[in-house]
Structures are given as structure tokens and as C-alpha cells.
């Protein structure tokens, strides 16, 4: 089963406007398991990096199966 059927991507930005202009606050990206609502993966990112990471996650959610997706991205997760 594709990962986008088991996981949902949530992106929370620290403020309005382009990433460079938002200031020093961190954005948050979560990959949430749909069935349980539990957070499977989590990142605090700089505003300038949020869009790039979210695009990569969305592409892999659509292309990979759930186990391969988690295995690939778990190694890049921040504590």
C-alpha cells in the first residue's frame, strides 16, 4: 500500500510570508499515521528549508510503499 494512504503530511509555518522574511522561528513538519493519529516522523526546520523538505516528503509519500517510506526518512528525523 502506498505511504500516502497510511500517512498524512502536516506542515506548520512559524509566520506569514516567504521563508527568508519570516525571521528566526522554526517551522514544523510532521508525518502522522492516519489510523492512530500518532506522529511517526517530526522535524523542526528553518523557514528556508521547509518547502524543499515538504516537497521531497510528498513525492515519496506518493511513490513509495509505507515501510520503504518510513525506512528512508527515519534516518533523517531530528530527535
PDB file of N, CA and C in Angstrom:
ATOM      1  N   UNK A   1       0.843  -1.173   0.000  1.00  0.00           N
ATOM      2  CA  UNK A   1       0.000   0.000   0.000  1.00  0.00           C
ATOM      3  C   UNK A   1       0.893   1.242   0.000  1.00  0.00           C
ATOM      4  N   UNK A   2       0.506   2.237  -0.781  1.00  0.00           N
ATOM      5  CA  UNK A   2       1.270   3.478  -0.866  1.00  0.00           C
ATOM      6  C   UNK A   2       1.272   4.198   0.484  1.00  0.00           C
ATOM      7  N   UNK A   3       2.367   4.878   0.739  1.00  0.00           N
ATOM      8  CA  UNK A   3       2.541   5.571   2.014  1.00  0.00           C
ATOM      9  C   UNK A   3       1.497   6.669   2.223  1.00  0.00           C
ATOM     10  N   UNK A   4       1.047   7.309   1.131  1.00  0.00           N
ATOM     11  CA  UNK A   4       0.070   8.392   1.303  1.00  0.00           C
ATOM     12  C   UNK A   4      -1.306   7.895   1.728  1.00  0.00           C
ATOM     13  N   UNK A   5      -1.520   6.575   1.735  1.00  0.00           N
ATOM     14  CA  UNK A   5      -2.760   6.003   2.241  1.00  0.00           C
ATOM     15  C   UNK A   5      -2.673   5.725   3.742  1.00  0.00           C
ATOM     16  N   UNK A   6      -1.457   5.661   4.266  1.00  0.00           N
ATOM     17  CA  UNK A   6      -1.254   5.364   5.681  1.00  0.00           C
ATOM     18  C   UNK A   6      -0.745   6.553   6.488  1.00  0.00           C
ATOM     19  N   UNK A   7      -0.151   7.543   5.802  1.00  0.00           N
ATOM     20  CA  UNK A   7       0.439   8.688   6.496  1.00  0.00           C
ATOM     21  C   UNK A   7      -0.033   9.997   5.896  1.00  0.00           C
ATOM     22  N   UNK A   8      -0.110  11.007   6.754  1.00  0.00           N
ATOM     23  CA  UNK A   8      -0.510  12.351   6.347  1.00  0.00           C
ATOM     24  C   UNK A   8       0.637  13.306   6.670  1.00  0.00           C
ATOM     25  N   UNK A   9       0.908  14.238   5.787  1.00  0.00           N
ATOM     26  CA  UNK A   9       1.954  15.234   5.997  1.00  0.00           C
ATOM     27  C   UNK A   9       1.316  16.511   6.540  1.00  0.00           C
ATOM     28  N   UNK A  10       1.864  17.021   7.632  1.00  0.00           N
ATOM     29  CA  UNK A  10       1.398  18.282   8.218  1.00  0.00           C
ATOM     30  C   UNK A  10       2.572  19.243   8.307  1.00  0.00           C
ATOM     31  N   UNK A  11       2.386  20.437   7.775  1.00  0.00           N
ATOM     32  CA  UNK A  11       3.427  21.464   7.786  1.00  0.00           C
ATOM     33  C   UNK A  11       2.887  22.669   8.532  1.00  0.00           C
ATOM     34  N   UNK A  12       3.598  23.107   9.565  1.00  0.00           N
ATOM     35  CA  UNK A  12       3.218  24.307  10.324  1.00  0.00           C
ATOM     36  C   UNK A  12       4.330  25.332  10.196  1.00  0.00           C
ATOM     37  N   UNK A  13       3.983  26.476   9.653  1.00  0.00           N
ATOM     38  CA  UNK A  13       4.970  27.535   9.456  1.00  0.00           C
ATOM     39  C   UNK A  13       4.930  28.502  10.629  1.00  0.00           C
ATOM     40  N   UNK A  14       6.091  29.064  10.936  1.00  0.00           N
ATOM     41  CA  UNK A  14       6.210  29.926  12.110  1.00  0.00           C
ATOM     42  C   UNK A  14       5.589  31.297  11.919  1.00  0.00           C
ATOM     43  N   UNK A  15       5.364  31.708  10.700  1.00  0.00           N
ATOM     44  CA  UNK A  15       4.785  33.021  10.454  1.00  0.00           C
ATOM     45  C   UNK A  15       4.345  33.137   9.013  1.00  0.00           C
ATOM     46  N   UNK A  16       3.949  34.328   8.635  1.00  0.00           N
ATOM     47  CA  UNK A  16       3.488  34.562   7.276  1.00  0.00           C
ATOM     48  C   UNK A  16       4.621  35.068   6.410  1.00  0.00           C
ATOM     49  N   UNK A  17       4.434  34.941   5.122  1.00  0.00           N
ATOM     50  CA  UNK A  17       5.394  35.464   4.163  1.00  0.00           C
ATOM     51  C   UNK A  17       6.425  34.438   3.744  1.00  0.00           C
ATOM     52  N   UNK A  18       7.307  34.846   2.833  1.00  0.00           N
ATOM     53  CA  UNK A  18       8.352  33.943   2.365  1.00  0.00           C
ATOM     54  C   UNK A  18       9.281  33.529   3.496  1.00  0.00           C
ATOM     55  N   UNK A  19       9.869  32.345   3.374  1.00  0.00           N
ATOM     56  CA  UNK A  19      10.723  31.798   4.418  1.00  0.00           C
ATOM     57  C   UNK A  19      11.840  32.715   4.853  1.00  0.00           C
ATOM     58  N   UNK A  20      12.445  33.423   3.925  1.00  0.00           N
ATOM     59  CA  UNK A  20      13.573  34.297   4.248  1.00  0.00           C
ATOM     60  C   UNK A  20      13.127  35.469   5.114  1.00  0.00           C
ATOM     61  N   UNK A  21      11.898  35.916   4.949  1.00  0.00           N
ATOM     62  CA  UNK A  21      11.412  37.094   5.667  1.00  0.00           C
ATOM     63  C   UNK A  21      10.710  36.777   6.983  1.00  0.00           C
ATOM     64  N   UNK A  22      10.468  35.506   7.279  1.00  0.00           N
ATOM     65  CA  UNK A  22       9.696  35.146   8.467  1.00  0.00           C
ATOM     66  C   UNK A  22      10.476  35.296   9.763  1.00  0.00           C
ATOM     67  N   UNK A  23      11.766  35.372   9.713  1.00  0.00           N
ATOM     68  CA  UNK A  23      12.527  35.527  10.946  1.00  0.00           C
ATOM     69  C   UNK A  23      13.132  34.236  11.423  1.00  0.00           C
ATOM     70  N   UNK A  24      13.470  34.205  12.708  1.00  0.00           N
ATOM     71  CA  UNK A  24      14.259  33.109  13.267  1.00  0.00           C
ATOM     72  C   UNK A  24      13.425  31.941  13.771  1.00  0.00           C
ATOM     73  N   UNK A  25      12.123  32.023  13.760  1.00  0.00           N
ATOM     74  CA  UNK A  25      11.297  30.941  14.273  1.00  0.00           C
ATOM     75  C   UNK A  25      11.404  29.687  13.427  1.00  0.00           C
ATOM     76  N   UNK A  26      11.252  28.544  14.060  1.00  0.00           N
ATOM     77  CA  UNK A  26      11.342  27.266  13.350  1.00  0.00           C
ATOM     78  C   UNK A  26       9.972  26.845  12.847  1.00  0.00           C
ATOM     79  N   UNK A  27       9.954  26.232  11.667  1.00  0.00           N
ATOM     80  CA  UNK A  27       8.757  25.598  11.142  1.00  0.00           C
ATOM     81  C   UNK A  27       8.742  24.151  11.623  1.00  0.00           C
ATOM     82  N   UNK A  28       7.590  23.508  11.541  1.00  0.00           N
ATOM     83  CA  UNK A  28       7.459  22.129  11.997  1.00  0.00           C
ATOM     84  C   UNK A  28       6.839  21.291  10.890  1.00  0.00           C
ATOM     85  N   UNK A  29       7.425  20.123  10.650  1.00  0.00           N
ATOM     86  CA  UNK A  29       6.882  19.166   9.687  1.00  0.00           C
ATOM     87  C   UNK A  29       6.654  17.858  10.427  1.00  0.00           C
ATOM     88  N   UNK A  30       5.452  17.321  10.282  1.00  0.00           N
ATOM     89  CA  UNK A  30       5.100  16.050  10.916  1.00  0.00           C
ATOM     90  C   UNK A  30       4.558  15.093   9.869  1.00  0.00           C
ATOM     91  N   UNK A  31       4.902  13.828  10.000  1.00  0.00           N
ATOM     92  CA  UNK A  31       4.269  12.759   9.244  1.00  0.00           C
ATOM     93  C   UNK A  31       3.455  11.980  10.271  1.00  0.00           C
ATOM     94  N   UNK A  32       2.125  11.987  10.100  1.00  0.00           N
ATOM     95  CA  UNK A  32       1.204  11.435  11.081  1.00  0.00           C
ATOM     96  C   UNK A  32       0.559  10.165  10.526  1.00  0.00           C
ATOM     97  N   UNK A  33       0.514   9.123  11.346  1.00  0.00           N
ATOM     98  CA  UNK A  33      -0.158   7.885  10.964  1.00  0.00           C
ATOM     99  C   UNK A  33      -1.666   8.132  11.000  1.00  0.00           C
ATOM    100  N   UNK A  34      -2.325   7.920   9.887  1.00  0.00           N
ATOM    101  CA  UNK A  34      -3.743   8.229   9.767  1.00  0.00           C
ATOM    102  C   UNK A  34      -4.601   7.383  10.711  1.00  0.00           C
ATOM    103  N   UNK A  35      -4.318   6.108  10.824  1.00  0.00           N
ATOM    104  CA  UNK A  35      -5.150   5.200  11.618  1.00  0.00           C
ATOM    105  C   UNK A  35      -5.152   5.555  13.102  1.00  0.00           C
ATOM    106  N   UNK A  36      -4.020   5.987  13.630  1.00  0.00           N
ATOM    107  CA  UNK A  36      -3.915   6.234  15.070  1.00  0.00           C
ATOM    108  C   UNK A  36      -3.789   7.702  15.449  1.00  0.00           C
ATOM    109  N   UNK A  37      -3.408   8.546  14.502  1.00  0.00           N
ATOM    110  CA  UNK A  37      -3.177   9.948  14.813  1.00  0.00           C
ATOM    111  C   UNK A  37      -1.828  10.194  15.474  1.00  0.00           C
ATOM    112  N   UNK A  38      -0.997   9.165  15.576  1.00  0.00           N
ATOM    113  CA  UNK A  38       0.328   9.279  16.196  1.00  0.00           C
ATOM    114  C   UNK A  38       1.324   9.899  15.215  1.00  0.00           C
ATOM    115  N   UNK A  39       2.239  10.702  15.737  1.00  0.00           N
ATOM    116  CA  UNK A  39       3.295  11.283  14.920  1.00  0.00           C
ATOM    117  C   UNK A  39       4.360  10.220  14.686  1.00  0.00           C
ATOM    118  N   UNK A  40       4.607   9.903  13.414  1.00  0.00           N
ATOM    119  CA  UNK A  40       5.612   8.894  13.062  1.00  0.00           C
ATOM    120  C   UNK A  40       6.978   9.534  12.846  1.00  0.00           C
ATOM    121  N   UNK A  41       7.004  10.725  12.232  1.00  0.00           N
ATOM    122  CA  UNK A  41       8.246  11.448  11.974  1.00  0.00           C
ATOM    123  C   UNK A  41       8.016  12.924  12.262  1.00  0.00           C
ATOM    124  N   UNK A  42       9.084  13.621  12.700  1.00  0.00           N
ATOM    125  CA  UNK A  42       8.937  15.024  13.081  1.00  0.00           C
ATOM    126  C   UNK A  42      10.234  15.769  12.789  1.00  0.00           C
ATOM    127  N   UNK A  43      10.115  16.978  12.240  1.00  0.00           N
ATOM    128  CA  UNK A  43      11.276  17.825  12.010  1.00  0.00           C
ATOM    129  C   UNK A  43      10.964  19.255  12.406  1.00  0.00           C
ATOM    130  N   UNK A  44      11.927  19.931  13.041  1.00  0.00           N
ATOM    131  CA  UNK A  44      11.947  21.386  13.196  1.00  0.00           C
ATOM    132  C   UNK A  44      12.876  21.878  12.101  1.00  0.00           C
ATOM    133  N   UNK A  45      12.393  22.767  11.247  1.00  0.00           N
ATOM    134  CA  UNK A  45      13.214  23.226  10.127  1.00  0.00           C
ATOM    135  C   UNK A  45      13.321  24.738  10.110  1.00  0.00           C
ATOM    136  N   UNK A  46      14.351  25.210   9.463  1.00  0.00           N
ATOM    137  CA  UNK A  46      14.466  26.631   9.189  1.00  0.00           C
ATOM    138  C   UNK A  46      13.464  26.970   8.095  1.00  0.00           C
ATOM    139  N   UNK A  47      12.889  28.163   8.111  1.00  0.00           N
ATOM    140  CA  UNK A  47      11.879  28.510   7.101  1.00  0.00           C
ATOM    141  C   UNK A  47      12.366  28.325   5.662  1.00  0.00           C
ATOM    142  N   UNK A  48      13.634  28.547   5.417  1.00  0.00           N
ATOM    143  CA  UNK A  48      14.153  28.413   4.053  1.00  0.00           C
ATOM    144  C   UNK A  48      14.243  26.959   3.603  1.00  0.00           C
ATOM    145  N   UNK A  49      14.191  26.000   4.522  1.00  0.00           N
ATOM    146  CA  UNK A  49      14.313  24.581   4.193  1.00  0.00           C
ATOM    147  C   UNK A  49      12.966  23.844   4.180  1.00  0.00           C
ATOM    148  N   UNK A  50      11.946  24.446   4.718  1.00  0.00           N
ATOM    149  CA  UNK A  50      10.666  23.775   4.903  1.00  0.00           C
ATOM    150  C   UNK A  50      10.041  23.323   3.586  1.00  0.00           C
ATOM    151  N   UNK A  51      10.001  24.184   2.609  1.00  0.00           N
ATOM    152  CA  UNK A  51       9.375  23.849   1.334  1.00  0.00           C
ATOM    153  C   UNK A  51      10.066  22.695   0.631  1.00  0.00           C
ATOM    154  N   UNK A  52      11.382  22.717   0.628  1.00  0.00           N
ATOM    155  CA  UNK A  52      12.145  21.660  -0.032  1.00  0.00           C
ATOM    156  C   UNK A  52      11.903  20.304   0.634  1.00  0.00           C
ATOM    157  N   UNK A  53      11.937  20.282   1.963  1.00  0.00           N
ATOM    158  CA  UNK A  53      11.707  19.034   2.690  1.00  0.00           C
ATOM    159  C   UNK A  53      10.276  18.533   2.468  1.00  0.00           C
ATOM    160  N   UNK A  54       9.304  19.430   2.523  1.00  0.00           N
ATOM    161  CA  UNK A  54       7.902  19.044   2.323  1.00  0.00           C
ATOM    162  C   UNK A  54       7.684  18.478   0.922  1.00  0.00           C
ATOM    163  N   UNK A  55       8.302  19.081  -0.101  1.00  0.00           N
ATOM    164  CA  UNK A  55       8.160  18.559  -1.462  1.00  0.00           C
ATOM    165  C   UNK A  55       8.755  17.160  -1.583  1.00  0.00           C
ATOM    166  N   UNK A  56       9.906  16.924  -0.978  1.00  0.00           N
ATOM    167  CA  UNK A  56      10.521  15.601  -1.004  1.00  0.00           C
ATOM    168  C   UNK A  56       9.668  14.561  -0.301  1.00  0.00           C
ATOM    169  N   UNK A  57       9.108  14.936   0.838  1.00  0.00           N
ATOM    170  CA  UNK A  57       8.243  14.017   1.573  1.00  0.00           C
ATOM    171  C   UNK A  57       6.980  13.696   0.778  1.00  0.00           C
ATOM    172  N   UNK A  58       6.367  14.715   0.175  1.00  0.00           N
ATOM    173  CA  UNK A  58       5.143  14.480  -0.612  1.00  0.00           C
ATOM    174  C   UNK A  58       5.416  13.554  -1.799  1.00  0.00           C
ATOM    175  N   UNK A  59       6.538  13.761  -2.471  1.00  0.00           N
ATOM    176  CA  UNK A  59       6.882  12.920  -3.621  1.00  0.00           C
ATOM    177  C   UNK A  59       7.064  11.464  -3.180  1.00  0.00           C
ATOM    178  N   UNK A  60       7.755  11.245  -2.070  1.00  0.00           N
ATOM    179  CA  UNK A  60       7.972   9.885  -1.595  1.00  0.00           C
ATOM    180  C   UNK A  60       6.704   9.257  -1.024  1.00  0.00           C
ATOM    181  N   UNK A  61       5.833  10.059  -0.422  1.00  0.00           N
ATOM    182  CA  UNK A  61       4.554   9.535   0.052  1.00  0.00           C
ATOM    183  C   UNK A  61       3.747   8.963  -1.115  1.00  0.00           C
ATOM    184  N   UNK A  62       3.815   9.611  -2.257  1.00  0.00           N
ATOM    185  CA  UNK A  62       3.053   9.158  -3.424  1.00  0.00           C
ATOM    186  C   UNK A  62       3.729   7.995  -4.144  1.00  0.00           C
ATOM    187  N   UNK A  63       5.052   7.883  -4.037  1.00  0.00           N
ATOM    188  CA  UNK A  63       5.783   6.903  -4.840  1.00  0.00           C
ATOM    189  C   UNK A  63       6.126   5.612  -4.104  1.00  0.00           C
ATOM    190  N   UNK A  64       6.377   5.689  -2.794  1.00  0.00           N
ATOM    191  CA  UNK A  64       6.876   4.534  -2.050  1.00  0.00           C
ATOM    192  C   UNK A  64       5.764   3.847  -1.268  1.00  0.00           C
ATOM    193  N   UNK A  65       6.001   2.578  -0.934  1.00  0.00           N
ATOM    194  CA  UNK A  65       5.071   1.928  -0.015  1.00  0.00           C
ATOM    195  C   UNK A  65       5.400   2.392   1.409  1.00  0.00           C
ATOM    196  N   UNK A  66       4.521   2.139   2.335  1.00  0.00           N
ATOM    197  CA  UNK A  66       4.623   2.699   3.684  1.00  0.00           C
ATOM    198  C   UNK A  66       5.915   2.293   4.395  1.00  0.00           C
ATOM    199  N   UNK A  67       6.299   1.017   4.324  1.00  0.00           N
ATOM    200  CA  UNK A  67       7.502   0.559   5.013  1.00  0.00           C
ATOM    201  C   UNK A  67       8.763   1.180   4.429  1.00  0.00           C
ATOM    202  N   UNK A  68       8.836   1.269   3.107  1.00  0.00           N
ATOM    203  CA  UNK A  68      10.002   1.869   2.452  1.00  0.00           C
ATOM    204  C   UNK A  68      10.091   3.360   2.771  1.00  0.00           C
ATOM    205  N   UNK A  69       8.945   4.039   2.830  1.00  0.00           N
ATOM    206  CA  UNK A  69       8.927   5.457   3.159  1.00  0.00           C
ATOM    207  C   UNK A  69       9.480   5.711   4.558  1.00  0.00           C
ATOM    208  N   UNK A  70       8.979   4.984   5.532  1.00  0.00           N
ATOM    209  CA  UNK A  70       9.441   5.167   6.910  1.00  0.00           C
ATOM    210  C   UNK A  70      10.921   4.825   7.034  1.00  0.00           C
ATOM    211  N   UNK A  71      11.359   3.734   6.396  1.00  0.00           N
ATOM    212  CA  UNK A  71      12.768   3.350   6.457  1.00  0.00           C
ATOM    213  C   UNK A  71      13.661   4.435   5.859  1.00  0.00           C
ATOM    214  N   UNK A  72      13.236   5.032   4.761  1.00  0.00           N
ATOM    215  CA  UNK A  72      14.045   6.067   4.111  1.00  0.00           C
ATOM    216  C   UNK A  72      14.141   7.332   4.946  1.00  0.00           C
ATOM    217  N   UNK A  73      13.032   7.791   5.496  1.00  0.00           N
ATOM    218  CA  UNK A  73      13.018   9.093   6.166  1.00  0.00           C
ATOM    219  C   UNK A  73      13.328   9.042   7.652  1.00  0.00           C
ATOM    220  N   UNK A  74      13.228   7.901   8.283  1.00  0.00           N
ATOM    221  CA  UNK A  74      13.509   7.815   9.724  1.00  0.00           C
ATOM    222  C   UNK A  74      14.952   8.216  10.039  1.00  0.00           C
ATOM    223  N   UNK A  75      15.865   7.901   9.165  1.00  0.00           N
ATOM    224  CA  UNK A  75      17.281   8.224   9.428  1.00  0.00           C
ATOM    225  C   UNK A  75      17.549   9.731   9.403  1.00  0.00           C
ATOM    226  N   UNK A  76      16.655  10.516   8.796  1.00  0.00           N
ATOM    227  CA  UNK A  76      16.843  11.967   8.730  1.00  0.00           C
ATOM    228  C   UNK A  76      16.020  12.707   9.788  1.00  0.00           C
ATOM    229  N   UNK A  77      15.280  11.975  10.579  1.00  0.00           N
ATOM    230  CA  UNK A  77      14.427  12.596  11.595  1.00  0.00           C
ATOM    231  C   UNK A  77      15.284  13.222  12.692  1.00  0.00           C
ATOM    232  N   UNK A  78      14.842  14.378  13.166  1.00  0.00           N
ATOM    233  CA  UNK A  78      15.501  15.019  14.307  1.00  0.00           C
ATOM    234  C   UNK A  78      14.919  14.464  15.586  1.00  0.00           C
ATOM    235  N   UNK A  79      15.713  14.414  16.621  1.00  0.00           N
ATOM    236  CA  UNK A  79      15.261  13.874  17.906  1.00  0.00           C
ATOM    237  C   UNK A  79      14.238  14.777  18.471  1.00  0.00           C
TER     238      UNK A  79
END
